[in-house]
């Protein structure tokens, strides 16, 4: 992928021709890249399917699952897609601004504002589900140290489990490990952008990959480094850097954008899948470090293809209603699904349904709609408001306006009801509309027939009868 850095033209330089300026403006104008939300939504759904798969085929039996379900064993693939997509999304703005942040302080505030409120709310939800509903059998129950470690997003820096010394802490949610990794990559991003500005985007990816590969080669021979590889999974830094490199496609020349990036992605995917099929599931899960690195070129080319709206049928599908709707709550779905999966699996299904395929279909029928619906509700409260309002002051103003609207709605409904009642006329006790009153008969007066008869000549009392008296 060609690395193209944007430099403003000199003030005294000649004006660019209008025909050449128009494409540049079209490729550099800020905007949403169509299809990214769909990728997020499908990746989050794949994580849910992976955790359902692990409960249906437990332990070694998972490696002997039927062919149609075997692909769900590799839930790690969704995580690396999330990481690469995060680097790509965060790189779009700097790529359009000469690979610079407008303000590092603003960047840090926006990342914290976007990530932390839903994460902390999900942490509380996970602790409540673990302590008061159901904890996963065989795993340490989270304690006060878990609250501190996970609340500060340092769960990957400290060992977990029964024999981890002072910092031994049970996990309230096993999906939280990647959130700490992503937070560490956010801290690394300004340094990566500096490398891009000083050298190039491809050199930045090459340097990160060289460091990570060296650590991976030395890890098995150095116990301390091997422990760091397990805790911090530095291979994900390469995926993040590749996503950042792919973001440069938005300011690339038309020649670079027109390359067959989807074909490149497919060509890079085939060898990885062939390796996984030949080596088998056991080898693949024991060598996730190297598989992550092998997936990086394919994912980077895929993101470049989606950013250039190719192939169009795939982009249209990713931007269709269902994937885009899943993408709007993908972060909430990732954060909250594990406690629900554990509660339904161990509390309702396992032991009552035959293991394997029957358990999988029962769990999928229950958990897919439940986790998605809960994620949408969770996102509406703890995620979407923080995306729409970039600070406490705008958020408080929006909440105050919403509360005033809620208080005003009952009064408005009552006022509309009264206005409608007055417009429709008086009502009787049964709620029906009143009819005009008919004159009551007076004693001694003959009542007119219901049908008109022959004309009667006026008599002497005719004028008195018309006046209403006899």
Protein backbone atom coordinates (compact mmCIF):
# COMPACT_ATOMS: atom_id res chain seq x y z
CA UNK A 1 0.00 0.00 0.00
CA UNK A 2 1.42 3.33 -1.01
CA UNK A 3 2.12 5.69 1.84
CA UNK A 4 1.02 9.20 0.96
CA UNK A 5 1.36 11.96 3.51
CA UNK A 6 -0.61 15.14 3.12
CA UNK A 7 1.41 18.38 3.09
CA UNK A 8 -0.20 21.79 2.59
CA UNK A 9 1.03 23.59 -0.53
CA UNK A 10 3.32 26.58 -0.04
CA UNK A 11 1.62 29.94 0.20
CA UNK A 12 3.52 31.29 -2.79
CA UNK A 13 3.13 28.19 -4.95
CA UNK A 14 1.03 28.09 -8.09
CA UNK A 15 -2.62 27.22 -7.78
CA UNK A 16 -3.47 23.64 -8.68
CA UNK A 17 -5.72 23.10 -11.65
CA UNK A 18 -9.38 22.71 -10.79
CA UNK A 19 -9.56 19.32 -12.49
CA UNK A 20 -6.77 17.98 -10.27
CA UNK A 21 -8.11 19.59 -7.10
CA UNK A 22 -11.57 18.08 -7.34
CA UNK A 23 -10.54 14.43 -6.84
CA UNK A 24 -8.28 15.39 -3.96
CA UNK A 25 -11.15 17.14 -2.23
CA UNK A 26 -13.39 14.13 -2.83
CA UNK A 27 -10.93 11.75 -1.23
CA UNK A 28 -9.89 13.92 1.71
CA UNK A 29 -13.17 15.33 2.88
CA UNK A 30 -14.13 13.96 6.31
CA UNK A 31 -17.06 11.59 6.55
CA UNK A 32 -18.22 8.16 7.59
CA UNK A 33 -16.68 5.22 5.78
CA UNK A 34 -19.62 3.09 4.72
CA UNK A 35 -19.45 -0.51 5.90
CA UNK A 36 -17.38 -0.17 9.07
CA UNK A 37 -20.42 -0.38 11.37
CA UNK A 38 -21.47 -3.58 9.64
CA UNK A 39 -18.04 -5.12 10.21
CA UNK A 40 -18.22 -4.21 13.90
CA UNK A 41 -21.68 -5.71 14.26
CA UNK A 42 -20.80 -9.00 12.56
CA UNK A 43 -17.57 -9.30 14.57
CA UNK A 44 -19.44 -8.80 17.85
CA UNK A 45 -22.04 -11.39 16.83
CA UNK A 46 -19.24 -13.82 15.97
CA UNK A 47 -17.85 -13.44 19.52
CA UNK A 48 -21.28 -14.34 20.94
CA UNK A 49 -21.47 -17.41 18.68
CA UNK A 50 -17.98 -18.44 19.77
CA UNK A 51 -18.95 -18.37 23.45
CA UNK A 52 -22.14 -20.33 22.71
CA UNK A 53 -20.03 -22.86 20.79
CA UNK A 54 -17.67 -23.26 23.77
CA UNK A 55 -20.60 -24.19 26.05
CA UNK A 56 -22.10 -26.63 23.56
CA UNK A 57 -18.81 -28.45 22.89
CA UNK A 58 -16.82 -28.20 26.11
CA UNK A 59 -13.09 -28.91 26.39
CA UNK A 60 -11.47 -31.30 23.94
CA UNK A 61 -14.80 -32.11 22.35
CA UNK A 62 -14.71 -28.62 20.79
CA UNK A 63 -11.89 -29.78 18.53
CA UNK A 64 -14.13 -32.53 17.17
CA UNK A 65 -17.20 -30.39 16.49
CA UNK A 66 -19.03 -30.97 13.17
CA UNK A 67 -17.66 -29.26 10.10
CA UNK A 68 -20.51 -26.73 9.85
CA UNK A 69 -19.72 -25.44 13.37
CA UNK A 70 -15.92 -25.78 13.49
CA UNK A 71 -15.29 -22.23 12.24
CA UNK A 72 -16.91 -20.82 15.40
CA UNK A 73 -14.01 -22.15 17.47
CA UNK A 74 -11.80 -19.23 16.37
CA UNK A 75 -13.37 -16.38 18.31
CA UNK A 76 -9.97 -14.70 18.46
CA UNK A 77 -10.47 -13.72 14.81
CA UNK A 78 -13.21 -11.27 15.79
CA UNK A 79 -10.90 -9.67 18.36
CA UNK A 80 -8.13 -9.03 15.84
CA UNK A 81 -10.69 -7.54 13.45
CA UNK A 82 -11.82 -5.19 16.24
CA UNK A 83 -8.23 -4.13 16.95
CA UNK A 84 -7.37 -3.50 13.28
CA UNK A 85 -10.64 -1.65 12.80
CA UNK A 86 -9.86 0.49 15.84
CA UNK A 87 -6.50 1.50 14.35
CA UNK A 88 -8.18 2.22 11.01
CA UNK A 89 -10.96 4.36 12.53
CA UNK A 90 -8.58 6.34 14.75
CA UNK A 91 -6.24 6.88 11.80
CA UNK A 92 -8.84 8.43 9.48
CA UNK A 93 -8.74 11.87 11.10
CA UNK A 94 -4.93 12.14 11.33
CA UNK A 95 -4.56 10.79 7.78
CA UNK A 96 -6.63 13.71 6.53
CA UNK A 97 -4.57 16.17 8.62
CA UNK A 98 -1.01 15.24 7.70
CA UNK A 99 -0.92 12.38 10.24
CA UNK A 100 -1.32 14.80 13.13
CA UNK A 101 -3.75 15.20 15.99
CA UNK A 102 -5.37 18.58 16.31
CA UNK A 103 -4.89 18.15 20.06
CA UNK A 104 -3.59 15.17 22.02
CA UNK A 105 -5.62 16.33 25.03
CA UNK A 106 -8.81 16.32 22.96
CA UNK A 107 -7.93 12.88 21.58
CA UNK A 108 -7.36 11.48 25.10
CA UNK A 109 -10.59 13.00 26.40
CA UNK A 110 -12.65 11.64 23.52
CA UNK A 111 -11.21 8.14 23.83
CA UNK A 112 -11.84 8.04 27.58
CA UNK A 113 -15.32 9.50 27.12
CA UNK A 114 -16.14 6.94 24.45
CA UNK A 115 -14.71 3.82 26.12
CA UNK A 116 -14.90 4.19 29.91
CA UNK A 117 -18.58 4.90 30.76
CA UNK A 118 -19.93 1.79 28.96
CA UNK A 119 -17.01 -0.27 30.26
CA UNK A 120 -17.54 0.72 33.90
CA UNK A 121 -21.29 0.16 33.60
CA UNK A 122 -20.62 -3.29 32.10
CA UNK A 123 -18.18 -4.01 34.93
CA UNK A 124 -20.91 -3.29 37.50
CA UNK A 125 -23.37 -5.44 35.55
CA UNK A 126 -20.88 -8.30 35.33
CA UNK A 127 -20.12 -8.17 39.06
CA UNK A 128 -23.83 -8.19 39.93
CA UNK A 129 -24.47 -11.14 37.61
CA UNK A 130 -21.49 -13.05 39.04
CA UNK A 131 -22.20 -12.36 42.71
CA UNK A 132 -25.99 -12.55 42.78
CA UNK A 133 -27.06 -14.63 39.77
CA UNK A 134 -24.46 -17.23 38.71
CA UNK A 135 -20.69 -17.48 38.50
CA UNK A 136 -19.06 -19.75 35.96
CA UNK A 137 -18.11 -23.06 37.58
CA UNK A 138 -14.39 -23.68 37.85
CA UNK A 139 -13.35 -20.03 37.76
CA UNK A 140 -12.39 -17.82 40.73
CA UNK A 141 -15.18 -15.58 41.97
CA UNK A 142 -14.24 -11.88 41.59
CA UNK A 143 -13.45 -9.99 44.79
CA UNK A 144 -12.48 -6.49 45.85
CA UNK A 145 -9.14 -6.76 44.08
CA UNK A 146 -11.02 -7.62 40.90
CA UNK A 147 -12.94 -4.37 41.18
CA UNK A 148 -9.70 -2.38 41.54
CA UNK A 149 -7.76 -4.22 38.83
CA UNK A 150 -10.54 -4.21 36.26
CA UNK A 151 -11.81 -0.77 37.16
CA UNK A 152 -8.36 0.71 36.44
CA UNK A 153 -8.01 -1.30 33.20
CA UNK A 154 -4.82 -2.99 34.35
CA UNK A 155 -6.10 -6.55 34.30
CA UNK A 156 -3.49 -7.56 31.71
CA UNK A 157 -0.62 -6.19 33.77
CA UNK A 158 -1.37 -8.45 36.75
CA UNK A 159 -1.67 -12.22 36.86
CA UNK A 160 -5.09 -13.72 37.37
CA UNK A 161 -6.07 -16.96 38.98
CA UNK A 162 -5.66 -18.90 42.23
CA UNK A 163 -1.86 -18.77 42.41
CA UNK A 164 -1.11 -15.21 41.39
CA UNK A 165 -0.05 -13.94 44.82
CA UNK A 166 -1.37 -10.69 46.21
CA UNK A 167 -2.99 -9.64 42.96
CA UNK A 168 -4.91 -12.90 42.50
CA UNK A 169 -8.34 -11.78 41.30
CA UNK A 170 -11.17 -13.57 39.63
CA UNK A 171 -12.47 -12.24 36.34
CA UNK A 172 -15.96 -10.74 36.36
CA UNK A 173 -16.08 -10.93 32.58
CA UNK A 174 -13.63 -12.91 30.45
CA UNK A 175 -14.18 -10.60 27.47
CA UNK A 176 -12.61 -7.66 29.31
CA UNK A 177 -9.02 -8.69 28.59
CA UNK A 178 -9.07 -7.09 25.14
CA UNK A 179 -10.40 -3.77 26.45
CA UNK A 180 -7.21 -3.28 28.48
CA UNK A 181 -5.11 -4.15 25.40
CA UNK A 182 -7.01 -1.60 23.33
CA UNK A 183 -6.52 1.08 25.99
CA UNK A 184 -2.78 0.44 25.90
CA UNK A 185 -2.80 0.80 22.11
CA UNK A 186 -4.56 4.16 22.47
CA UNK A 187 -1.60 5.34 24.51
CA UNK A 188 0.76 4.02 21.83
CA UNK A 189 -1.04 5.77 18.94
CA UNK A 190 0.67 9.22 19.23
CA UNK A 191 4.08 7.52 19.02
CA UNK A 192 2.99 5.58 15.92
CA UNK A 193 1.79 8.79 14.27
CA UNK A 194 5.15 10.40 15.05
CA UNK A 195 6.88 7.53 13.24
CA UNK A 196 4.57 7.98 10.27
CA UNK A 197 5.38 11.70 10.05
CA UNK A 198 9.11 11.25 10.50
CA UNK A 199 9.56 8.20 8.27
CA UNK A 200 6.49 6.63 6.61
CA UNK A 201 3.46 4.52 7.43
CA UNK A 202 5.00 1.37 5.95
CA UNK A 203 8.19 1.89 7.95
CA UNK A 204 6.08 2.29 11.10
CA UNK A 205 4.35 -1.05 10.49
CA UNK A 206 7.68 -2.70 9.68
CA UNK A 207 9.27 -1.46 12.90
CA UNK A 208 6.34 -2.60 15.05
CA UNK A 209 6.29 -6.00 13.33
CA UNK A 210 10.06 -6.43 13.78
CA UNK A 211 9.84 -5.75 17.52
CA UNK A 212 6.87 -8.07 17.98
CA UNK A 213 8.33 -10.92 15.91
CA UNK A 214 11.62 -10.68 17.80
CA UNK A 215 9.75 -10.92 21.09
CA UNK A 216 7.79 -13.89 19.78
CA UNK A 217 10.96 -15.72 18.77
CA UNK A 218 12.76 -15.04 22.05
CA UNK A 219 9.74 -15.62 24.27
CA UNK A 220 9.96 -19.43 24.58
CA UNK A 221 13.61 -19.09 25.70
CA UNK A 222 13.16 -16.21 28.18
CA UNK A 223 10.57 -16.95 30.90
CA UNK A 224 9.89 -13.29 31.73
CA UNK A 225 9.35 -12.40 28.08
CA UNK A 226 7.17 -15.46 27.58
CA UNK A 227 4.96 -14.34 30.46
CA UNK A 228 4.71 -10.85 28.92
CA UNK A 229 3.67 -12.36 25.60
CA UNK A 230 0.79 -14.18 27.30
CA UNK A 231 -0.35 -11.16 29.30
CA UNK A 232 -0.02 -8.31 26.83
CA UNK A 233 -0.46 -10.12 23.48
CA UNK A 234 1.84 -7.70 21.57
CA UNK A 235 0.85 -9.33 18.29
CA UNK A 236 -2.30 -7.19 18.45
CA UNK A 237 -0.09 -4.09 18.16
CA UNK A 238 0.78 -5.22 14.64
CA UNK A 239 -2.92 -5.47 13.76
CA UNK A 240 -3.47 -1.97 15.17
CA UNK A 241 -0.54 -0.60 13.13
CA UNK A 242 -1.83 -2.29 9.96
CA UNK A 243 -5.23 -0.68 10.51
CA UNK A 244 -3.51 2.69 10.88
CA UNK A 245 -1.62 2.09 7.63
CA UNK A 246 -4.85 1.15 5.83
CA UNK A 247 -6.41 4.46 6.92
CA UNK A 248 -4.02 6.21 4.53
CA UNK A 249 -6.18 4.98 1.64
CA UNK A 250 -8.56 7.92 2.19
CA UNK A 251 -5.88 10.38 1.05
CA UNK A 252 -4.17 8.14 -1.48
CA UNK A 253 -4.01 8.86 -5.20
CA UNK A 254 -6.66 7.52 -7.51
CA UNK A 255 -4.17 4.98 -8.87
CA UNK A 256 -3.64 3.56 -5.37
CA UNK A 257 -7.36 3.58 -4.56
CA UNK A 258 -8.24 1.76 -7.77
CA UNK A 259 -6.06 -1.23 -6.98
CA UNK A 260 -7.91 -4.56 -6.42
CA UNK A 261 -7.70 -4.47 -2.63
CA UNK A 262 -10.47 -7.04 -2.26
CA UNK A 263 -8.52 -9.43 -4.46
CA UNK A 264 -5.41 -8.81 -2.38
CA UNK A 265 -7.40 -9.58 0.77
CA UNK A 266 -8.69 -12.84 -0.70
CA UNK A 267 -5.21 -13.85 -1.86
CA UNK A 268 -3.82 -13.21 1.63
CA UNK A 269 -6.68 -15.14 3.28
CA UNK A 270 -6.33 -18.41 1.39
CA UNK A 271 -2.88 -19.39 2.78
CA UNK A 272 -3.94 -18.68 6.37
CA UNK A 273 -7.08 -20.80 6.10
CA UNK A 274 -5.14 -23.58 4.38
CA UNK A 275 -2.57 -23.54 7.21
CA UNK A 276 -5.32 -23.76 9.85
CA UNK A 277 -7.01 -26.65 8.05
CA UNK A 278 -3.78 -28.59 7.58
CA UNK A 279 -2.44 -28.05 11.10
CA UNK A 280 -5.79 -28.52 12.83
CA UNK A 281 -7.65 -26.75 15.60
CA UNK A 282 -5.33 -27.78 18.42
CA UNK A 283 -2.24 -26.35 16.72
CA UNK A 284 -4.11 -23.20 15.74
CA UNK A 285 -5.19 -22.44 19.30
CA UNK A 286 -1.66 -23.05 20.58
CA UNK A 287 -0.17 -20.68 17.99
CA UNK A 288 -2.56 -17.75 18.10
CA UNK A 289 0.37 -15.34 18.27
CA UNK A 290 1.59 -16.29 14.79
CA UNK A 291 -1.88 -16.71 13.34
CA UNK A 292 -2.75 -13.14 14.36
CA UNK A 293 0.28 -11.89 12.47
CA UNK A 294 -0.63 -14.03 9.47
CA UNK A 295 -4.11 -12.48 9.34
CA UNK A 296 -2.81 -8.89 9.40
CA UNK A 297 -2.24 -8.41 5.61
CA UNK A 298 -5.66 -9.81 4.72
CA UNK A 299 -7.48 -7.61 7.22
CA UNK A 300 -5.55 -4.50 6.18
CA UNK A 301 -6.38 -5.05 2.50
CA UNK A 302 -10.03 -5.72 3.38
CA UNK A 303 -10.30 -2.40 5.21
CA UNK A 304 -8.71 -0.61 2.25
CA UNK A 305 -11.22 -2.28 -0.07
CA UNK A 306 -14.20 -1.30 2.09
CA UNK A 307 -12.91 2.29 2.29
CA UNK A 308 -12.91 2.45 -1.51
CA UNK A 309 -16.44 0.93 -1.64
CA UNK A 310 -15.31 -2.29 -3.28
CA UNK A 311 -16.68 -4.82 -3.84
CA UNK A 312 -19.95 -2.93 -4.00
CA UNK A 313 -22.28 -5.89 -3.14
CA UNK A 314 -20.28 -6.53 0.03
CA UNK A 315 -20.33 -2.85 1.01
CA UNK A 316 -24.08 -2.65 0.35
CA UNK A 317 -24.64 -5.67 2.58
CA UNK A 318 -22.46 -4.25 5.36
CA UNK A 319 -24.41 -1.00 5.17
CA UNK A 320 -27.80 -2.73 5.19
CA UNK A 321 -30.13 -2.39 8.13
CA UNK A 322 -29.27 -5.48 10.19
CA UNK A 323 -25.43 -5.27 10.16
CA UNK A 324 -25.53 -1.51 10.66
CA UNK A 325 -27.97 -1.90 13.56
CA UNK A 326 -25.70 -4.50 15.16
CA UNK A 327 -22.75 -2.17 14.67
CA UNK A 328 -24.47 0.65 16.58
CA UNK A 329 -24.47 -1.50 19.74
CA UNK A 330 -21.46 -3.75 18.99
CA UNK A 331 -19.36 -2.38 21.86
CA UNK A 332 -22.21 -2.93 24.33
CA UNK A 333 -22.83 -6.41 22.92
CA UNK A 334 -19.18 -7.33 23.39
CA UNK A 335 -19.12 -5.95 26.95
CA UNK A 336 -22.32 -7.50 28.29
CA UNK A 337 -22.90 -10.84 26.57
CA UNK A 338 -20.61 -13.09 28.64
CA UNK A 339 -22.53 -12.91 31.99
CA UNK A 340 -25.78 -13.58 30.13
CA UNK A 341 -24.28 -16.53 28.26
CA UNK A 342 -23.01 -18.02 31.55
CA UNK A 343 -26.32 -17.52 33.37
CA UNK A 344 -28.43 -19.10 30.62
CA UNK A 345 -25.95 -21.89 29.84
CA UNK A 346 -25.20 -23.13 33.35
CA UNK A 347 -28.47 -22.10 34.94
CA UNK A 348 -31.01 -23.26 32.36
CA UNK A 349 -29.67 -25.42 29.53
CA UNK A 350 -26.58 -27.48 30.36
CA UNK A 351 -27.52 -30.79 31.95
CA UNK A 352 -31.08 -30.57 30.63
CA UNK A 353 -30.30 -30.80 26.90
CA UNK A 354 -28.02 -33.29 25.16
CA UNK A 355 -24.54 -31.81 24.66
CA UNK A 356 -23.27 -30.86 21.26
CA UNK A 357 -25.57 -29.85 18.43
CA UNK A 358 -28.85 -29.85 20.45
CA UNK A 359 -27.31 -27.64 23.14
CA UNK A 360 -25.88 -25.28 20.55
CA UNK A 361 -29.20 -24.70 18.80
CA UNK A 362 -31.10 -24.25 22.07
CA UNK A 363 -28.51 -21.79 23.38
CA UNK A 364 -28.42 -19.92 20.07
CA UNK A 365 -32.21 -19.65 19.95
CA UNK A 366 -32.25 -18.14 23.45
CA UNK A 367 -29.04 -16.15 23.67
CA UNK A 368 -28.81 -14.44 20.28
CA UNK A 369 -32.03 -12.42 20.68
CA UNK A 370 -31.55 -11.91 24.44
CA UNK A 371 -27.97 -10.62 24.23
CA UNK A 372 -28.69 -8.38 21.24
CA UNK A 373 -31.83 -6.86 22.78
CA UNK A 374 -30.07 -6.29 26.10
CA UNK A 375 -27.12 -4.71 24.28
CA UNK A 376 -29.44 -2.29 22.48
CA UNK A 377 -31.02 -1.22 25.77
CA UNK A 378 -27.62 -0.98 27.44
CA UNK A 379 -26.23 1.11 24.58
CA UNK A 380 -29.22 3.46 24.69
CA UNK A 381 -28.39 4.30 28.32
CA UNK A 382 -24.62 3.96 28.69
CA UNK A 383 -23.11 4.25 25.20
CA UNK A 384 -25.08 6.32 22.70
CA UNK A 385 -25.56 9.39 24.96
CA UNK A 386 -21.78 9.62 25.38
CA UNK A 387 -21.32 9.46 21.60
CA UNK A 388 -23.81 12.25 20.96
CA UNK A 389 -22.67 14.61 23.74
CA UNK A 390 -18.90 15.14 24.05
CA UNK A 391 -18.69 16.33 27.66
CA UNK A 392 -20.45 16.54 31.01
CA UNK A 393 -22.01 19.94 30.33
CA UNK A 394 -23.72 18.94 27.03
CA UNK A 395 -24.77 15.63 28.56
CA UNK A 396 -26.33 17.31 31.61
CA UNK A 397 -28.13 19.81 29.39
CA UNK A 398 -29.50 17.02 27.21
CA UNK A 399 -30.62 15.02 30.27
CA UNK A 400 -32.28 18.09 31.81
CA UNK A 401 -34.09 18.82 28.56
CA UNK A 402 -35.23 15.22 28.35
CA UNK A 403 -36.51 15.27 31.95
CA UNK A 404 -38.42 18.49 31.29
CA UNK A 405 -39.92 16.89 28.21
CA UNK A 406 -40.97 13.83 30.20
CA UNK A 407 -42.59 16.03 32.86
CA UNK A 408 -44.35 18.11 30.23
CA UNK A 409 -45.71 15.16 28.30
CA UNK A 410 -48.47 14.13 30.79
CA UNK A 411 -49.67 17.74 31.03
CA UNK A 412 -49.61 18.07 27.24
CA UNK A 413 -51.59 14.85 26.85
CA UNK A 414 -54.18 16.03 29.39
CA UNK A 415 -54.42 19.41 27.67
CA UNK A 416 -54.94 17.78 24.27
CA UNK A 417 -57.61 15.54 25.77
CA UNK A 418 -59.46 18.52 27.24
CA UNK A 419 -59.26 20.42 23.95
CA UNK A 420 -60.58 17.42 22.05
CA UNK A 421 -63.42 17.01 24.53
CA UNK A 422 -64.45 20.64 24.20
CA UNK A 423 -64.26 20.51 20.41
CA UNK A 424 -66.56 17.49 20.25
CA UNK A 425 -69.27 19.12 22.40
CA UNK A 426 -70.77 18.20 25.80
CA UNK A 427 -70.90 14.59 26.85
CA UNK A 428 -73.49 12.69 28.84
CA UNK A 429 -72.76 10.50 31.85
CA UNK A 430 -72.17 7.45 29.64
CA UNK A 431 -69.56 9.29 27.63
CA UNK A 432 -71.72 9.73 24.51
CA UNK A 433 -72.32 12.97 22.69
CA UNK A 434 -75.40 14.87 23.84
CA UNK A 435 -78.24 15.42 21.37
CA UNK A 436 -80.35 18.61 21.17
CA UNK A 437 -83.19 18.51 23.69
CA UNK A 438 -86.69 17.90 22.34
CA UNK A 439 -89.62 19.89 23.68
CA UNK A 440 -91.46 17.93 26.34
CA UNK A 441 -95.20 17.44 25.94
CA UNK A 442 -97.45 19.58 28.12
CA UNK A 443 -100.38 17.95 29.83
CA UNK A 444 -103.52 18.32 27.82
CA UNK A 445 -101.81 19.11 24.53
CA UNK A 446 -102.04 16.77 21.62
CA UNK A 447 -98.71 15.50 20.29
CA UNK A 448 -97.94 15.88 16.61
CA UNK A 449 -97.96 12.67 14.64
CA UNK A 450 -94.68 11.16 13.66
CA UNK A 451 -95.68 11.49 10.02
CA UNK A 452 -97.17 14.59 8.49
CA UNK A 453 -100.97 14.34 7.87
CA UNK A 454 -103.33 16.44 5.77
CA UNK A 455 -103.18 20.17 6.35
CA UNK A 456 -105.39 21.41 9.17
CA UNK A 457 -106.90 24.86 8.91
CA UNK A 458 -105.79 27.20 11.64
CA UNK A 459 -108.13 27.48 14.59
CA UNK A 460 -108.64 30.08 17.19
CA UNK A 461 -105.92 28.71 19.47
CA UNK A 462 -103.33 28.43 16.78
CA UNK A 463 -101.26 31.39 17.90
CA UNK A 464 -101.30 30.20 21.51
CA UNK A 465 -100.22 26.70 20.44
CA UNK A 466 -97.25 28.14 18.56
CA UNK A 467 -96.19 30.04 21.64
CA UNK A 468 -95.95 26.77 23.58
CA UNK A 469 -99.05 27.01 25.81
CA UNK A 470 -102.49 25.44 25.63
